[in-house]
């Protein structure tokens, strides 16, 4: 059917959508698809489904003292962004356990000042810290009475639009005589359950102490049967400061939440973290619980354009950071070596920056100062094949050094290393530049650099068919980092000449996940040399006639040199382990090269072609023959 450009209004009925879902077993996108050429420029209309009812649980804040308050503040910000229908605490809002009523008042005011910022209803639940007195008088209800006047009832039922929530009081003995649950409170609970059942809404129980864990309460004999009869969905407590799912019994889900500002001393996988909990109640009455680390919702202005421009200037502006000089090759001497290079920092900002530098060995997560979360980016993005985490180099850490606005600083980086019998990978330096952003936060900007190592290759001699045993195998490195670089070991190259110095021979070994040939497109040699669409080998050298470049694409196959009269040739092969090899023979019509660089391009049929090189581009390896003086 011929179609002009038009707009389709796609109105999907829920009946048709359900029928299609049943057939496909997945939820399709609300667009019309016809034939191999899908319809473009549609307008779709889709009715919003009924919204779930959501209850948030604010866990224990004690014994966190005042250092825990920032977590509570972050929780309020999170809740106001997420907009649950109601918020319940799980008890322990104040440090309590005091004889001083004024101190209790101060702590209560402190807590309420923060939580008064919530834009949805808040329902406190009494915990042991909230009601137990430091007087040690059995049954002292001084702070229980203060709780009633300050926060509300010790036990109650909240009839919400999407659920009935019953709050029990788990400290009836006020700290003396063990943990108990009186017959009177159980009777009150059963009355609440009967009323809640008639509402037809999911029923949730909340309390501070997990009373079902206390033998003296005899919960599963005295209480649990009534919960089953009423169809209670979930029972939630706190107190232990360790989040844990306590399982489902007779359809009743028991759960214990952790802390939000409270004291913890173990790893999150041990159940201890500062978090919020949520009960999601679906329109069909099903209840599911989930948790969220506190402080992970961020406002739209978390980062402003002006601050991102500063980051970009520090990272990308030409001349903002550079390394000048080279390090000697550790294979050059019998003694340990040391040398220095210069790191030049130019501050492009209108404010000062602080700079420090160290060797990058193993990755660590980034602390986000002023927020409640960390970033694992450094660990997740770590490539052990392009960063030598076990480097032999040592670097005397530098900084912090202040670089004023618009000024330039030359910073000396002093390295040392032991003697080496084989080539040593270049170390990686992590440079951190810190600036103060528009919100007065200290923002670290990270840059990773590998200093140049001056490679010196002494050419052994041998027949063209195989490398001589005296020839050194050299690694081919990623000198400049890229997020696209593959998780593959460095290729290697062996370089030698025939005894008459008429032929330069190279043997490469390359570990490669995917081998790739060139696309059937016509490009000039220089473009192909810099950005081949295939796996490739580039050989660059300098001799008496000047610079020359050879490009080999083993799997195309293709070979070409930009110097006339150089009739190079190659062979290649591969094995089942994902390694391929190539051997190249280059006639030396103008004597031995004085410098050499060898690059391996890994394409993997992607848009980006990744290069690794024997030496960094400005500092190719220096060459001399074994027989030279």
Foldseek 3Di string as FASTA:
>chain_A
DDDDQDEAEQEDDPVNQVVVCVVVVDRDPRADQDPPDGRPHYHYDDDDDDAWAKEKEAEAQPPLPPVLVVLLLLQLVVCQVVPHQEYEYQAHQFQALEQDVVNLVVSLCSSCVRNVSHPHYYAYEHDLRQAAYVPPDWPPRPSVVVCCVRHRDNWDWDDDPAEIETEHRFPNRSPPPDTEDDPVRLVVVLVSLVVRLVVVHAYEYGHADPVVVDVRHVCVVRPVVSCLVSQHQEYEYENPLFWDFPQADSNYTYTYAHHRNYDDDDDVVRRHARWMKMWTQDPVRHTDIDIDGGFPDDDPVNDDPVRVVQLCCCAPPPPQKDKADAAEWLQPDQWKDKDKIKIKHFRQDQFKKWKKKAFAAAFDWADDPPTDDTHCVRVVLDQCQQAPNPFQKGWDIDDRDIAGHRGMDIDMIMIIGGRDPATGDFIKMKMWMWDQDPVRGTDIHIDIATGFYAAAAAADADDQPDHDPPWGKFFFHQRHDDSPDDNFHTKIKTWHYHPVQFKIKIKIKGQAPDFFAFDPDDDDPVCCQVFTLGKKKKKWFQAPVGIKIWIAHQVNGDIDIPDPPWPKDKDKDADPNRMIMMMIMTGCPGGDTQFMKMKIWHNRSDPDIGITMSTPPVRTHGYDYPPDD
